[in-house]
C-alpha cells in the first residue's frame, strides 16, 4: 500500500473515531476529504475494487454521522 493512501485512510479514521470528539461539521469534512482523496487515488491507479468499496463506505459513514448514531 502506498504511504499516501495510508494518510488518506488516517484522515477518514480521524473523522470517524470517538476518542477525541470533533464537531459534526468537522467530522463530515474529514470524512468527505479523506474519501474523495481515496477515490481520486483509486481512479488514477485504475483500482476499481477500491473505488467501489470507497463509495459504499462513504455512503455508510456519512449517513451514520448525519443521523448522529
PDB file of N, CA and C in Angstrom:
ATOM      1  N   UNK A   1       0.850  -1.171   0.000  1.00  0.00           N
ATOM      2  CA  UNK A   1       0.000   0.000   0.000  1.00  0.00           C
ATOM      3  C   UNK A   1       0.897   1.236   0.000  1.00  0.00           C
ATOM      4  N   UNK A   2       0.512   2.199  -0.787  1.00  0.00           N
ATOM      5  CA  UNK A   2       1.256   3.450  -0.842  1.00  0.00           C
ATOM      6  C   UNK A   2       1.114   4.207   0.474  1.00  0.00           C
ATOM      7  N   UNK A   3       2.172   4.931   0.827  1.00  0.00           N
ATOM      8  CA  UNK A   3       2.145   5.712   2.063  1.00  0.00           C
ATOM      9  C   UNK A   3       1.076   6.796   1.998  1.00  0.00           C
ATOM     10  N   UNK A   4       0.911   7.408   0.827  1.00  0.00           N
ATOM     11  CA  UNK A   4      -0.076   8.480   0.704  1.00  0.00           C
ATOM     12  C   UNK A   4      -1.485   7.938   0.893  1.00  0.00           C
ATOM     13  N   UNK A   5      -1.746   6.710   0.444  1.00  0.00           N
ATOM     14  CA  UNK A   5      -3.053   6.091   0.650  1.00  0.00           C
ATOM     15  C   UNK A   5      -3.290   5.845   2.134  1.00  0.00           C
ATOM     16  N   UNK A   6      -2.242   5.478   2.853  1.00  0.00           N
ATOM     17  CA  UNK A   6      -2.335   5.305   4.301  1.00  0.00           C
ATOM     18  C   UNK A   6      -2.729   6.622   4.976  1.00  0.00           C
ATOM     19  N   UNK A   7      -2.178   7.736   4.519  1.00  0.00           N
ATOM     20  CA  UNK A   7      -2.527   9.054   5.056  1.00  0.00           C
ATOM     21  C   UNK A   7      -4.009   9.347   4.809  1.00  0.00           C
ATOM     22  N   UNK A   8      -4.502   9.012   3.616  1.00  0.00           N
ATOM     23  CA  UNK A   8      -5.912   9.235   3.300  1.00  0.00           C
ATOM     24  C   UNK A   8      -6.814   8.420   4.224  1.00  0.00           C
ATOM     25  N   UNK A   9      -6.427   7.164   4.487  1.00  0.00           N
ATOM     26  CA  UNK A   9      -7.199   6.332   5.411  1.00  0.00           C
ATOM     27  C   UNK A   9      -7.183   6.927   6.822  1.00  0.00           C
ATOM     28  N   UNK A  10      -6.063   7.506   7.220  1.00  0.00           N
ATOM     29  CA  UNK A  10      -5.968   8.124   8.551  1.00  0.00           C
ATOM     30  C   UNK A  10      -6.884   9.338   8.669  1.00  0.00           C
ATOM     31  N   UNK A  11      -7.039  10.096   7.590  1.00  0.00           N
ATOM     32  CA  UNK A  11      -7.944  11.248   7.609  1.00  0.00           C
ATOM     33  C   UNK A  11      -9.374  10.783   7.861  1.00  0.00           C
ATOM     34  N   UNK A  12      -9.782   9.714   7.169  1.00  0.00           N
ATOM     35  CA  UNK A  12     -11.127   9.168   7.380  1.00  0.00           C
ATOM     36  C   UNK A  12     -11.261   8.637   8.804  1.00  0.00           C
ATOM     37  N   UNK A  13     -10.232   7.946   9.282  1.00  0.00           N
ATOM     38  CA  UNK A  13     -10.274   7.405  10.638  1.00  0.00           C
ATOM     39  C   UNK A  13     -10.455   8.508  11.673  1.00  0.00           C
ATOM     40  N   UNK A  14      -9.729   9.608  11.518  1.00  0.00           N
ATOM     41  CA  UNK A  14      -9.849  10.713  12.472  1.00  0.00           C
ATOM     42  C   UNK A  14     -11.252  11.304  12.477  1.00  0.00           C
ATOM     43  N   UNK A  15     -11.903  11.312  11.322  1.00  0.00           N
ATOM     44  CA  UNK A  15     -13.269  11.812  11.264  1.00  0.00           C
ATOM     45  C   UNK A  15     -14.273  10.884  11.921  1.00  0.00           C
ATOM     46  N   UNK A  16     -13.959   9.584  11.961  1.00  0.00           N
ATOM     47  CA  UNK A  16     -14.894   8.592  12.499  1.00  0.00           C
ATOM     48  C   UNK A  16     -14.632   8.201  13.944  1.00  0.00           C
ATOM     49  N   UNK A  17     -13.428   8.382  14.414  1.00  0.00           N
ATOM     50  CA  UNK A  17     -13.068   7.889  15.746  1.00  0.00           C
ATOM     51  C   UNK A  17     -13.836   8.649  16.822  1.00  0.00           C
ATOM     52  N   UNK A  18     -13.962   8.033  17.978  1.00  0.00           N
ATOM     53  CA  UNK A  18     -14.735   8.625  19.053  1.00  0.00           C
ATOM     54  C   UNK A  18     -13.921   8.992  20.273  1.00  0.00           C
ATOM     55  N   UNK A  19     -12.604   8.859  20.211  1.00  0.00           N
ATOM     56  CA  UNK A  19     -11.767   9.179  21.365  1.00  0.00           C
ATOM     57  C   UNK A  19     -11.636  10.685  21.561  1.00  0.00           C
ATOM     58  N   UNK A  20     -11.421  11.393  20.481  1.00  0.00           N
ATOM     59  CA  UNK A  20     -11.359  12.856  20.518  1.00  0.00           C
ATOM     60  C   UNK A  20     -12.514  13.364  19.665  1.00  0.00           C
ATOM     61  N   UNK A  21     -13.542  13.883  20.302  1.00  0.00           N
ATOM     62  CA  UNK A  21     -14.757  14.256  19.587  1.00  0.00           C
ATOM     63  C   UNK A  21     -14.588  15.588  18.863  1.00  0.00           C
ATOM     64  N   UNK A  22     -14.901  15.564  17.585  1.00  0.00           N
ATOM     65  CA  UNK A  22     -14.944  16.776  16.772  1.00  0.00           C
ATOM     66  C   UNK A  22     -16.401  17.200  16.633  1.00  0.00           C
ATOM     67  N   UNK A  23     -16.608  18.412  16.167  1.00  0.00           N
ATOM     68  CA  UNK A  23     -17.965  18.840  15.848  1.00  0.00           C
ATOM     69  C   UNK A  23     -18.449  18.061  14.635  1.00  0.00           C
ATOM     70  N   UNK A  24     -19.758  18.035  14.455  1.00  0.00           N
ATOM     71  CA  UNK A  24     -20.350  17.268  13.360  1.00  0.00           C
ATOM     72  C   UNK A  24     -19.815  17.730  12.004  1.00  0.00           C
ATOM     73  N   UNK A  25     -19.716  19.032  11.812  1.00  0.00           N
ATOM     74  CA  UNK A  25     -19.242  19.565  10.536  1.00  0.00           C
ATOM     75  C   UNK A  25     -17.785  19.192  10.281  1.00  0.00           C
ATOM     76  N   UNK A  26     -16.978  19.195  11.331  1.00  0.00           N
ATOM     77  CA  UNK A  26     -15.570  18.821  11.193  1.00  0.00           C
ATOM     78  C   UNK A  26     -15.436  17.355  10.824  1.00  0.00           C
ATOM     79  N   UNK A  27     -16.204  16.498  11.477  1.00  0.00           N
ATOM     80  CA  UNK A  27     -16.168  15.070  11.158  1.00  0.00           C
ATOM     81  C   UNK A  27     -16.607  14.824   9.725  1.00  0.00           C
ATOM     82  N   UNK A  28     -17.691  15.472   9.313  1.00  0.00           N
ATOM     83  CA  UNK A  28     -18.165  15.303   7.938  1.00  0.00           C
ATOM     84  C   UNK A  28     -17.131  15.780   6.924  1.00  0.00           C
ATOM     85  N   UNK A  29     -16.470  16.883   7.223  1.00  0.00           N
ATOM     86  CA  UNK A  29     -15.449  17.412   6.318  1.00  0.00           C
ATOM     87  C   UNK A  29     -14.273  16.452   6.195  1.00  0.00           C
ATOM     88  N   UNK A  30     -13.805  15.926   7.318  1.00  0.00           N
ATOM     89  CA  UNK A  30     -12.672  14.997   7.281  1.00  0.00           C
ATOM     90  C   UNK A  30     -13.036  13.717   6.533  1.00  0.00           C
ATOM     91  N   UNK A  31     -14.242  13.217   6.754  1.00  0.00           N
ATOM     92  CA  UNK A  31     -14.680  12.006   6.062  1.00  0.00           C
ATOM     93  C   UNK A  31     -14.791  12.259   4.564  1.00  0.00           C
ATOM     94  N   UNK A  32     -15.388  13.379   4.182  1.00  0.00           N
ATOM     95  CA  UNK A  32     -15.540  13.688   2.758  1.00  0.00           C
ATOM     96  C   UNK A  32     -14.189  13.879   2.080  1.00  0.00           C
ATOM     97  N   UNK A  33     -13.306  14.652   2.693  1.00  0.00           N
ATOM     98  CA  UNK A  33     -11.994  14.900   2.087  1.00  0.00           C
ATOM     99  C   UNK A  33     -11.208  13.605   1.966  1.00  0.00           C
ATOM    100  N   UNK A  34     -11.178  12.815   3.041  1.00  0.00           N
ATOM    101  CA  UNK A  34     -10.443  11.555   3.002  1.00  0.00           C
ATOM    102  C   UNK A  34     -10.978  10.603   1.957  1.00  0.00           C
ATOM    103  N   UNK A  35     -12.298  10.462   1.887  1.00  0.00           N
ATOM    104  CA  UNK A  35     -12.884   9.542   0.917  1.00  0.00           C
ATOM    105  C   UNK A  35     -12.717  10.033  -0.516  1.00  0.00           C
ATOM    106  N   UNK A  36     -12.814  11.326  -0.732  1.00  0.00           N
ATOM    107  CA  UNK A  36     -12.593  11.865  -2.076  1.00  0.00           C
ATOM    108  C   UNK A  36     -11.148  11.636  -2.505  1.00  0.00           C
ATOM    109  N   UNK A  37     -10.203  11.812  -1.587  1.00  0.00           N
ATOM    110  CA  UNK A  37      -8.800  11.555  -1.920  1.00  0.00           C
ATOM    111  C   UNK A  37      -8.553  10.076  -2.210  1.00  0.00           C
ATOM    112  N   UNK A  38      -9.202   9.184  -1.448  1.00  0.00           N
ATOM    113  CA  UNK A  38      -9.072   7.748  -1.717  1.00  0.00           C
ATOM    114  C   UNK A  38      -9.671   7.423  -3.083  1.00  0.00           C
ATOM    115  N   UNK A  39     -10.837   7.998  -3.395  1.00  0.00           N
ATOM    116  CA  UNK A  39     -11.464   7.760  -4.696  1.00  0.00           C
ATOM    117  C   UNK A  39     -10.578   8.283  -5.827  1.00  0.00           C
ATOM    118  N   UNK A  40     -10.008   9.457  -5.649  1.00  0.00           N
ATOM    119  CA  UNK A  40      -9.103  10.022  -6.664  1.00  0.00           C
ATOM    120  C   UNK A  40      -7.889   9.121  -6.873  1.00  0.00           C
ATOM    121  N   UNK A  41      -7.331   8.631  -5.778  1.00  0.00           N
ATOM    122  CA  UNK A  41      -6.173   7.738  -5.844  1.00  0.00           C
ATOM    123  C   UNK A  41      -6.533   6.442  -6.574  1.00  0.00           C
ATOM    124  N   UNK A  42      -7.700   5.890  -6.279  1.00  0.00           N
ATOM    125  CA  UNK A  42      -8.089   4.632  -6.912  1.00  0.00           C
ATOM    126  C   UNK A  42      -8.394   4.821  -8.396  1.00  0.00           C
ATOM    127  N   UNK A  43      -8.934   5.971  -8.775  1.00  0.00           N
ATOM    128  CA  UNK A  43      -9.180   6.239 -10.199  1.00  0.00           C
ATOM    129  C   UNK A  43      -7.862   6.377 -10.945  1.00  0.00           C
ATOM    130  N   UNK A  44      -6.895   7.072 -10.356  1.00  0.00           N
ATOM    131  CA  UNK A  44      -5.594   7.250 -11.009  1.00  0.00           C
ATOM    132  C   UNK A  44      -4.859   5.938 -11.215  1.00  0.00           C
ATOM    133  N   UNK A  45      -5.035   4.993 -10.283  1.00  0.00           N
ATOM    134  CA  UNK A  45      -4.351   3.701 -10.388  1.00  0.00           C
ATOM    135  C   UNK A  45      -5.237   2.623 -11.007  1.00  0.00           C
ATOM    136  N   UNK A  46      -6.410   3.005 -11.502  1.00  0.00           N
ATOM    137  CA  UNK A  46      -7.367   2.073 -12.110  1.00  0.00           C
ATOM    138  C   UNK A  46      -7.709   0.924 -11.173  1.00  0.00           C
ATOM    139  N   UNK A  47      -7.853   1.236  -9.889  1.00  0.00           N
ATOM    140  CA  UNK A  47      -8.199   0.245  -8.874  1.00  0.00           C
ATOM    141  C   UNK A  47      -9.706   0.348  -8.621  1.00  0.00           C
ATOM    142  N   UNK A  48     -10.486  -0.327  -9.472  1.00  0.00           N
ATOM    143  CA  UNK A  48     -11.939  -0.185  -9.432  1.00  0.00           C
ATOM    144  C   UNK A  48     -12.550  -0.830  -8.194  1.00  0.00           C
ATOM    145  N   UNK A  49     -11.929  -1.884  -7.687  1.00  0.00           N
ATOM    146  CA  UNK A  49     -12.439  -2.519  -6.467  1.00  0.00           C
ATOM    147  C   UNK A  49     -12.389  -1.543  -5.292  1.00  0.00           C
ATOM    148  N   UNK A  50     -11.277  -0.854  -5.146  1.00  0.00           N
ATOM    149  CA  UNK A  50     -11.142   0.124  -4.065  1.00  0.00           C
ATOM    150  C   UNK A  50     -12.114   1.283  -4.256  1.00  0.00           C
ATOM    151  N   UNK A  51     -12.347   1.684  -5.491  1.00  0.00           N
ATOM    152  CA  UNK A  51     -13.276   2.783  -5.768  1.00  0.00           C
ATOM    153  C   UNK A  51     -14.699   2.409  -5.357  1.00  0.00           C
ATOM    154  N   UNK A  52     -15.144   1.219  -5.732  1.00  0.00           N
ATOM    155  CA  UNK A  52     -16.496   0.774  -5.374  1.00  0.00           C
ATOM    156  C   UNK A  52     -16.632   0.667  -3.860  1.00  0.00           C
ATOM    157  N   UNK A  53     -15.639   0.090  -3.213  1.00  0.00           N
ATOM    158  CA  UNK A  53     -15.672  -0.043  -1.757  1.00  0.00           C
ATOM    159  C   UNK A  53     -15.678   1.326  -1.071  1.00  0.00           C
ATOM    160  N   UNK A  54     -14.909   2.258  -1.594  1.00  0.00           N
ATOM    161  CA  UNK A  54     -14.853   3.604  -1.015  1.00  0.00           C
ATOM    162  C   UNK A  54     -16.194   4.311  -1.128  1.00  0.00           C
ATOM    163  N   UNK A  55     -16.836   4.200  -2.275  1.00  0.00           N
ATOM    164  CA  UNK A  55     -18.143   4.840  -2.457  1.00  0.00           C
ATOM    165  C   UNK A  55     -19.177   4.233  -1.512  1.00  0.00           C
ATOM    166  N   UNK A  56     -19.178   2.907  -1.397  1.00  0.00           N
ATOM    167  CA  UNK A  56     -20.121   2.251  -0.487  1.00  0.00           C
ATOM    168  C   UNK A  56     -19.880   2.678   0.956  1.00  0.00           C
ATOM    169  N   UNK A  57     -18.625   2.712   1.370  1.00  0.00           N
ATOM    170  CA  UNK A  57     -18.305   3.083   2.745  1.00  0.00           C
ATOM    171  C   UNK A  57     -18.580   4.567   3.000  1.00  0.00           C
ATOM    172  N   UNK A  58     -18.378   5.410   1.993  1.00  0.00           N
ATOM    173  CA  UNK A  58     -18.650   6.829   2.162  1.00  0.00           C
ATOM    174  C   UNK A  58     -20.137   7.052   2.445  1.00  0.00           C
ATOM    175  N   UNK A  59     -20.997   6.354   1.725  1.00  0.00           N
ATOM    176  CA  UNK A  59     -22.437   6.475   1.959  1.00  0.00           C
ATOM    177  C   UNK A  59     -22.782   6.023   3.375  1.00  0.00           C
ATOM    178  N   UNK A  60     -22.223   4.896   3.801  1.00  0.00           N
ATOM    179  CA  UNK A  60     -22.499   4.383   5.149  1.00  0.00           C
ATOM    180  C   UNK A  60     -21.978   5.336   6.226  1.00  0.00           C
ATOM    181  N   UNK A  61     -20.779   5.855   6.044  1.00  0.00           N
ATOM    182  CA  UNK A  61     -20.181   6.741   7.041  1.00  0.00           C
ATOM    183  C   UNK A  61     -20.945   8.052   7.153  1.00  0.00           C
ATOM    184  N   UNK A  62     -21.260   8.655   6.020  1.00  0.00           N
ATOM    185  CA  UNK A  62     -21.946   9.947   6.044  1.00  0.00           C
ATOM    186  C   UNK A  62     -23.352   9.825   6.617  1.00  0.00           C
ATOM    187  N   UNK A  63     -24.053   8.759   6.272  1.00  0.00           N
ATOM    188  CA  UNK A  63     -25.404   8.596   6.813  1.00  0.00           C
ATOM    189  C   UNK A  63     -25.359   8.358   8.321  1.00  0.00           C
ATOM    190  N   UNK A  64     -24.352   7.662   8.797  1.00  0.00           N
ATOM    191  CA  UNK A  64     -24.228   7.403  10.235  1.00  0.00           C
ATOM    192  C   UNK A  64     -23.893   8.690  11.002  1.00  0.00           C
ATOM    193  N   UNK A  65     -22.983   9.484  10.489  1.00  0.00           N
ATOM    194  CA  UNK A  65     -22.620  10.748  11.140  1.00  0.00           C
ATOM    195  C   UNK A  65     -23.791  11.731  11.058  1.00  0.00           C
ATOM    196  N   UNK A  66     -24.430  11.814   9.896  1.00  0.00           N
ATOM    197  CA  UNK A  66     -25.501  12.780   9.688  1.00  0.00           C
ATOM    198  C   UNK A  66     -26.677  12.519  10.624  1.00  0.00           C
ATOM    199  N   UNK A  67     -26.996  11.234  10.851  1.00  0.00           N
ATOM    200  CA  UNK A  67     -28.104  10.881  11.738  1.00  0.00           C
ATOM    201  C   UNK A  67     -27.713  10.963  13.201  1.00  0.00           C
ATOM    202  N   UNK A  68     -26.428  11.072  13.484  1.00  0.00           N
ATOM    203  CA  UNK A  68     -25.970  11.206  14.858  1.00  0.00           C
ATOM    204  C   UNK A  68     -25.857   9.901  15.604  1.00  0.00           C
ATOM    205  N   UNK A  69     -25.806   8.793  14.892  1.00  0.00           N
ATOM    206  CA  UNK A  69     -25.713   7.476  15.547  1.00  0.00           C
ATOM    207  C   UNK A  69     -24.301   7.165  15.957  1.00  0.00           C
TER     208      UNK A  69
END
